[in-house]
Amino acid sequence: MNRNNISWSGPMPAITTPFRADGTLDADSYTANIDRLMDAGATGMVAAGCTGEFWAMDLSERAHLADLTVKALRGRGPAIIGTGAIRAEEVIDQIHAAREAGADGVLVMPPYFAHLTEAEIIGHYARVDAAAAGMPIIVYNIPGNAGNAITPAIADTLVDLDHIVAIKESSSDWRNFHETLLRVRDRARVFCGPSSVFGVAAVLAGADGLIDCFPNVWAPGCMDLWHATRAGRLDEALALQRTGLALTELFTTDGRTLYPATKAAMNLMGLPGGDYPRPPLLPLEGAALAGLADGLRKILGADVITTPMKELHHASGT
């Protein structure tokens, strides 16, 4: 199995998992977000990744999310399900659940917290691959969260395993992304994670697609970044890139981190799929929330905020 066994390409958003105030999954909001993003130009969905707060759900909830994703997509694009876990056995259990749900593939990150050697990382993937039983695997490189990096040399080895067909390169390190692309693109598809930062350059370099959290907030803009670049409309694409950079800065400064800021922005803009993060993440409030609203108005337009701040404060109990 290699890149030629799949047809996945283009912008496949890393979607949020909306939780209600009591912590339960809001299935209607989740489904509505998938419909909205597919209508805006997405080519598939990546669920239960870092943006999807996989680490805040138990395995049964994640199996339910896989089933919900497949049913919401209705065959309109590939359903890729995150399987993040430290132990290979738990990853394998989730691969089986994704298969039972009818998913098209799985996203597998390295074990996190424990710092591993190159041989240990490769060994983990080899154990998972041996039990994948025909399920295509996207390797997920996000060392800022996992603490273990998929270097270009490791990627070069992993793509020769039987089920690995692609890599989501989310290191935010252009050199790591580009060298990985050059080493493996003949055997595996390469998707750019931080497309809001260097998506245009990644597409021009030959990336097969984009897997990013920003379409949840910025649609169709973040998907148009792919479409405009591929069509050669570089002035439009570069303007979109500048917007992506501004949003990235806004969401990660002045007391804000990416995932709570993403959900808060969706709530401010009246978009489905936001709601609450799960603890230990907390909803944005106070100056951080007000600054986010001001920044969104400056970057996306004065009329982008549709939910009054007082309603968000009331909902969060502040």
Protein backbone atom coordinates (compact mmCIF):
# COMPACT_ATOMS: atom_id res chain seq x y z
CA MET A 1 0.00 0.00 0.00
CA ASN A 2 1.34 3.45 -0.94
CA ARG A 3 0.24 6.89 -2.15
CA ASN A 4 -1.31 5.37 -5.26
CA ASN A 5 -3.81 3.36 -3.22
CA ILE A 6 -5.64 6.52 -2.14
CA SER A 7 -6.95 9.58 -3.92
CA TRP A 8 -6.99 11.95 -0.95
CA SER A 9 -5.91 15.48 -1.75
CA GLY A 10 -6.76 19.12 -1.18
CA PRO A 11 -7.97 20.79 2.01
CA MET A 12 -9.23 18.32 4.63
CA PRO A 13 -10.01 20.31 7.80
CA ALA A 14 -8.95 19.09 11.22
CA ILE A 15 -12.33 19.52 12.84
CA THR A 16 -13.24 20.50 16.37
CA THR A 17 -15.27 18.30 18.70
CA PRO A 18 -18.03 20.46 20.24
CA PHE A 19 -18.84 19.72 23.86
CA ARG A 20 -21.78 21.10 25.79
CA ALA A 21 -21.37 22.78 29.17
CA ASP A 22 -21.94 19.42 30.88
CA GLY A 23 -19.15 17.82 28.82
CA THR A 24 -21.34 15.76 26.49
CA LEU A 25 -20.76 15.69 22.75
CA ASP A 26 -23.03 17.98 20.73
CA ALA A 27 -23.66 15.68 17.74
CA ASP A 28 -25.94 18.11 15.89
CA SER A 29 -23.37 20.90 16.06
CA TYR A 30 -20.64 18.51 14.95
CA THR A 31 -22.62 17.34 11.94
CA ALA A 32 -23.57 20.90 10.99
CA ASN A 33 -19.91 21.90 11.01
CA ILE A 34 -19.01 19.05 8.64
CA ASP A 35 -21.83 20.06 6.27
CA ARG A 36 -20.71 23.70 6.35
CA LEU A 37 -17.07 22.89 5.64
CA MET A 38 -17.85 20.45 2.82
CA ASP A 39 -20.07 23.09 1.22
CA ALA A 40 -17.18 25.59 1.53
CA GLY A 41 -14.74 23.47 -0.50
CA ALA A 42 -13.30 20.85 1.86
CA THR A 43 -12.36 17.54 0.25
CA GLY A 44 -12.61 15.38 3.40
CA MET A 45 -12.48 15.50 7.20
CA VAL A 46 -9.88 14.65 9.83
CA ALA A 47 -11.57 13.97 13.17
CA ALA A 48 -10.28 13.26 16.69
CA GLY A 49 -6.93 14.89 16.10
CA CYS A 50 -5.34 17.49 18.34
CA THR A 51 -7.91 20.10 17.28
CA GLY A 52 -10.59 17.49 18.02
CA GLU A 53 -9.32 17.11 21.62
CA PHE A 54 -8.80 13.36 21.27
CA TRP A 55 -6.94 13.30 24.56
CA ALA A 56 -10.05 14.52 26.41
CA MET A 57 -12.21 11.58 25.28
CA ASP A 58 -12.23 7.95 26.30
CA LEU A 59 -11.95 5.19 23.71
CA SER A 60 -15.70 4.56 23.52
CA GLU A 61 -16.38 8.24 22.87
CA ARG A 62 -13.78 8.26 20.14
CA ALA A 63 -15.36 5.21 18.53
CA HIS A 64 -18.70 7.03 18.62
CA LEU A 65 -17.08 10.10 17.01
CA ALA A 66 -15.70 7.92 14.20
CA ASP A 67 -19.19 6.58 13.51
CA LEU A 68 -20.67 10.08 13.62
CA THR A 69 -18.05 11.41 11.21
CA VAL A 70 -18.65 8.71 8.62
CA LYS A 71 -22.42 9.17 8.79
CA ALA A 72 -22.14 12.97 8.58
CA LEU A 73 -19.88 12.84 5.52
CA ARG A 74 -22.20 10.49 3.60
CA GLY A 75 -19.45 9.54 1.19
CA ARG A 76 -18.69 13.13 0.13
CA GLY A 77 -15.01 12.74 1.02
CA PRO A 78 -12.67 10.60 3.08
CA ALA A 79 -13.27 10.27 6.81
CA ILE A 80 -9.89 10.14 8.56
CA ILE A 81 -9.99 9.31 12.27
CA GLY A 82 -7.30 10.20 14.81
CA THR A 83 -6.02 7.36 17.00
CA GLY A 84 -3.58 9.13 19.31
CA ALA A 85 -2.40 7.03 22.26
CA ILE A 86 0.82 6.07 24.02
CA ARG A 87 0.37 2.29 23.83
CA ALA A 88 0.25 0.54 20.46
CA GLU A 89 -2.58 -1.67 21.75
CA GLU A 90 -4.86 1.34 22.25
CA VAL A 91 -4.01 2.71 18.81
CA ILE A 92 -4.87 -0.68 17.30
CA ASP A 93 -8.17 -0.81 19.18
CA GLN A 94 -9.09 2.56 17.70
CA ILE A 95 -8.09 1.46 14.20
CA HIS A 96 -10.50 -1.45 14.57
CA ALA A 97 -13.25 0.92 15.76
CA ALA A 98 -12.59 3.26 12.83
CA ARG A 99 -12.83 0.33 10.42
CA GLU A 100 -16.11 -0.82 11.96
CA ALA A 101 -17.48 2.69 11.55
CA GLY A 102 -16.58 2.66 7.84
CA ALA A 103 -13.75 5.22 8.02
CA ASP A 104 -11.42 5.57 5.06
CA GLY A 105 -8.20 5.90 7.04
CA VAL A 106 -6.61 6.72 10.38
CA LEU A 107 -4.22 9.35 11.68
CA VAL A 108 -1.46 7.88 13.87
CA MET A 109 0.85 10.10 15.92
CA PRO A 110 3.93 8.90 17.81
CA PRO A 111 3.53 8.00 21.48
CA TYR A 112 3.62 11.13 23.60
CA PHE A 113 5.13 12.12 26.99
CA ALA A 114 7.79 9.36 26.98
CA HIS A 115 10.79 10.54 24.98
CA LEU A 116 11.67 7.86 22.46
CA THR A 117 14.65 6.91 20.36
CA GLU A 118 14.42 6.69 16.59
CA ALA A 119 14.27 2.89 16.85
CA GLU A 120 11.44 3.07 19.41
CA ILE A 121 9.35 5.38 17.23
CA ILE A 122 9.81 3.13 14.22
CA GLY A 123 9.05 0.07 16.35
CA HIS A 124 5.78 1.60 17.55
CA TYR A 125 4.61 2.25 14.00
CA ALA A 126 5.70 -1.22 12.90
CA ARG A 127 3.53 -2.82 15.61
CA VAL A 128 0.57 -0.66 14.64
CA ASP A 129 1.10 -1.28 10.94
CA ALA A 130 1.24 -5.05 11.41
CA ALA A 131 -2.25 -4.98 12.96
CA ALA A 132 -3.82 -2.44 10.61
CA ALA A 133 -5.41 -5.12 8.43
CA GLY A 134 -5.86 -3.05 5.32
CA MET A 135 -6.62 0.32 6.94
CA PRO A 136 -4.58 3.15 5.33
CA ILE A 137 -2.48 5.14 7.81
CA ILE A 138 -1.48 8.80 7.83
CA VAL A 139 1.58 9.39 10.01
CA TYR A 140 1.05 12.50 12.14
CA ASN A 141 4.14 14.55 12.94
CA ILE A 142 3.37 17.14 15.62
CA PRO A 143 6.41 17.23 17.93
CA GLY A 144 5.17 20.34 19.75
CA ASN A 145 2.37 18.20 21.21
CA ALA A 146 3.75 14.66 21.05
CA GLY A 147 7.27 15.47 22.23
CA ASN A 148 8.58 12.96 19.68
CA ALA A 149 9.41 14.06 16.15
CA ILE A 150 9.10 12.28 12.83
CA THR A 151 12.33 13.42 11.22
CA PRO A 152 12.77 13.12 7.45
CA ALA A 153 14.98 10.07 8.06
CA ILE A 154 12.30 8.37 10.19
CA ALA A 155 9.64 9.26 7.62
CA ASP A 156 11.79 7.71 4.91
CA THR A 157 11.68 4.41 6.81
CA LEU A 158 8.03 4.54 7.86
CA VAL A 159 6.62 4.99 4.36
CA ASP A 160 7.95 1.54 3.42
CA LEU A 161 5.64 -0.10 5.96
CA ASP A 162 2.65 -1.88 4.46
CA HIS A 163 -0.19 0.49 5.43
CA ILE A 164 1.39 3.95 5.55
CA VAL A 165 0.14 6.02 2.63
CA ALA A 166 0.62 9.61 3.80
CA ILE A 167 2.14 11.99 6.33
CA LYS A 168 0.56 15.00 8.00
CA GLU A 169 3.57 17.22 8.57
CA SER A 170 2.69 19.62 11.40
CA SER A 171 6.13 20.38 12.80
CA SER A 172 5.79 24.06 11.76
CA ASP A 173 9.42 23.70 10.64
CA TRP A 174 9.70 24.44 6.92
CA ARG A 175 12.99 22.61 6.58
CA ASN A 176 11.55 19.44 8.17
CA PHE A 177 8.44 19.68 6.02
CA HIS A 178 10.32 20.25 2.78
CA GLU A 179 12.96 17.57 3.32
CA THR A 180 10.23 15.08 4.29
CA LEU A 181 8.33 15.97 1.13
CA LEU A 182 11.40 15.49 -1.06
CA ARG A 183 12.26 12.15 0.54
CA VAL A 184 8.88 10.44 0.53
CA ARG A 185 6.60 12.01 -2.07
CA ASP A 186 7.22 9.16 -4.53
CA ARG A 187 5.76 6.67 -2.02
CA ALA A 188 3.48 8.66 0.33
CA ARG A 189 1.25 11.69 0.11
CA VAL A 190 2.34 14.67 2.19
CA PHE A 191 -0.18 17.02 3.80
CA CYS A 192 0.83 20.37 5.26
CA GLY A 193 -0.44 21.02 8.78
CA PRO A 194 0.27 24.72 9.39
CA SER A 195 -1.21 25.89 6.11
CA SER A 196 -2.14 29.18 7.77
CA VAL A 197 1.62 29.81 8.09
CA PHE A 198 3.16 28.41 4.88
CA GLY A 199 0.38 26.68 2.97
CA VAL A 200 1.04 28.50 -0.31
CA ALA A 201 4.72 27.54 -0.26
CA ALA A 202 3.80 23.95 0.64
CA VAL A 203 1.36 23.64 -2.26
CA LEU A 204 3.86 25.15 -4.69
CA ALA A 205 6.49 22.70 -3.42
CA GLY A 206 4.19 19.78 -4.24
CA ALA A 207 2.14 19.05 -1.12
CA ASP A 208 -0.83 16.79 -1.77
CA GLY A 209 -3.15 18.71 0.51
CA LEU A 210 -3.70 20.73 3.67
CA ILE A 211 -4.92 19.49 7.07
CA ASP A 212 -5.42 22.50 9.33
CA CYS A 213 -7.70 23.68 12.13
CA PHE A 214 -8.32 27.16 10.71
CA PRO A 215 -11.12 26.21 8.28
CA ASN A 216 -13.30 25.79 11.39
CA VAL A 217 -13.15 29.56 11.72
CA TRP A 218 -11.97 30.77 8.34
CA ALA A 219 -14.05 29.18 5.60
CA PRO A 220 -13.91 29.18 2.70
CA GLY A 221 -10.70 31.22 3.00
CA CYS A 222 -8.45 28.49 4.34
CA MET A 223 -9.67 26.06 1.69
CA ASP A 224 -9.43 28.73 -1.02
CA LEU A 225 -5.75 29.05 -0.13
CA TRP A 226 -5.32 25.57 -1.66
CA HIS A 227 -7.65 26.09 -4.57
CA ALA A 228 -6.22 29.50 -5.54
CA THR A 229 -2.63 28.29 -5.37
CA ARG A 230 -3.36 25.20 -7.43
CA ALA A 231 -5.14 27.34 -10.02
CA GLY A 232 -2.17 29.72 -10.27
CA ARG A 233 -4.00 32.70 -8.76
CA LEU A 234 -0.98 33.64 -6.69
CA ASP A 235 -1.98 37.21 -5.80
CA GLU A 236 -5.20 35.85 -4.29
CA ALA A 237 -3.35 32.99 -2.61
CA LEU A 238 -0.73 35.25 -1.04
CA ALA A 239 -3.43 37.60 0.26
CA LEU A 240 -5.09 34.61 1.90
CA GLN A 241 -1.72 33.58 3.37
CA ARG A 242 -1.38 36.98 5.00
CA THR A 243 -4.80 36.49 6.58
CA GLY A 244 -3.76 33.06 7.83
CA LEU A 245 -0.63 34.46 9.42
CA ALA A 246 -2.61 37.19 11.15
CA LEU A 247 -5.13 34.68 12.51
CA THR A 248 -2.36 32.40 13.75
CA GLU A 249 -0.79 35.29 15.66
CA LEU A 250 -4.14 36.34 17.10
CA PHE A 251 -5.06 32.84 18.31
CA THR A 252 -1.73 32.17 20.05
CA THR A 253 -0.89 35.42 21.87
CA ASP A 254 -2.09 37.56 24.78
CA GLY A 255 -3.31 34.71 26.96
CA ARG A 256 -4.78 32.66 24.11
CA THR A 257 -3.87 29.15 22.92
CA LEU A 258 -4.98 27.58 19.68
CA TYR A 259 -7.77 25.16 20.61
CA PRO A 260 -9.77 27.27 23.09
CA ALA A 261 -9.31 30.29 20.79
CA THR A 262 -10.64 28.33 17.83
CA LYS A 263 -13.80 27.36 19.70
CA ALA A 264 -14.27 30.84 21.12
CA ALA A 265 -13.97 32.34 17.63
CA MET A 266 -16.55 29.90 16.28
CA ASN A 267 -18.91 30.88 19.09
CA LEU A 268 -18.35 34.60 18.49
CA MET A 269 -19.03 34.12 14.79
CA GLY A 270 -22.15 32.01 15.36
CA LEU A 271 -20.65 28.96 13.66
CA PRO A 272 -21.51 25.35 14.55
CA GLY A 273 -18.85 23.06 15.99
CA GLY A 274 -17.52 25.35 18.73
CA ASP A 275 -19.28 25.16 22.11
CA TYR A 276 -16.95 24.32 25.03
CA PRO A 277 -13.51 22.76 25.28
CA ARG A 278 -13.09 19.96 27.80
CA PRO A 279 -10.94 20.43 30.90
CA PRO A 280 -8.13 20.97 31.50
CA LEU A 281 -8.76 23.47 28.70
CA LEU A 282 -10.99 26.37 29.72
CA PRO A 283 -13.21 28.68 27.65
CA LEU A 284 -11.70 32.06 26.86
CA GLU A 285 -13.00 34.92 28.96
CA GLY A 286 -12.19 38.47 29.96
CA ALA A 287 -9.45 40.36 28.13
CA ALA A 288 -8.39 37.29 26.13
CA LEU A 289 -11.90 36.87 24.72
CA ALA A 290 -12.38 40.60 24.08
CA GLY A 291 -9.02 40.76 22.32
CA LEU A 292 -9.99 37.81 20.14
CA ALA A 293 -13.23 39.52 19.11
CA ASP A 294 -11.42 42.77 18.29
CA GLY A 295 -8.80 40.91 16.29
CA LEU A 296 -11.39 38.94 14.31
CA ARG A 297 -13.14 42.18 13.37
CA LYS A 298 -9.88 43.70 12.14
CA ILE A 299 -8.80 40.63 10.18
CA LEU A 300 -12.07 39.24 8.81
CA GLY A 301 -14.36 42.28 8.83
CA ALA A 302 -16.39 44.39 11.19
CA ASP A 303 -19.53 42.29 10.79
CA VAL A 304 -17.92 38.92 11.52
CA ILE A 305 -18.99 38.85 15.18
CA THR A 306 -22.63 37.77 15.44
CA THR A 307 -22.86 36.66 19.08
CA PRO A 308 -22.85 39.44 21.71
CA MET A 309 -20.02 39.17 24.21
CA LYS A 310 -22.44 39.27 27.11
CA GLU A 311 -24.10 36.09 25.86
CA LEU A 312 -20.77 34.24 25.80
CA HIS A 313 -19.93 35.49 29.28
CA HIS A 314 -23.32 34.35 30.53
CA ALA A 315 -22.92 30.93 28.92
CA SER A 316 -19.51 30.37 30.50
CA GLY A 317 -20.71 31.54 33.89
CA THR A 318 -18.43 34.59 34.00
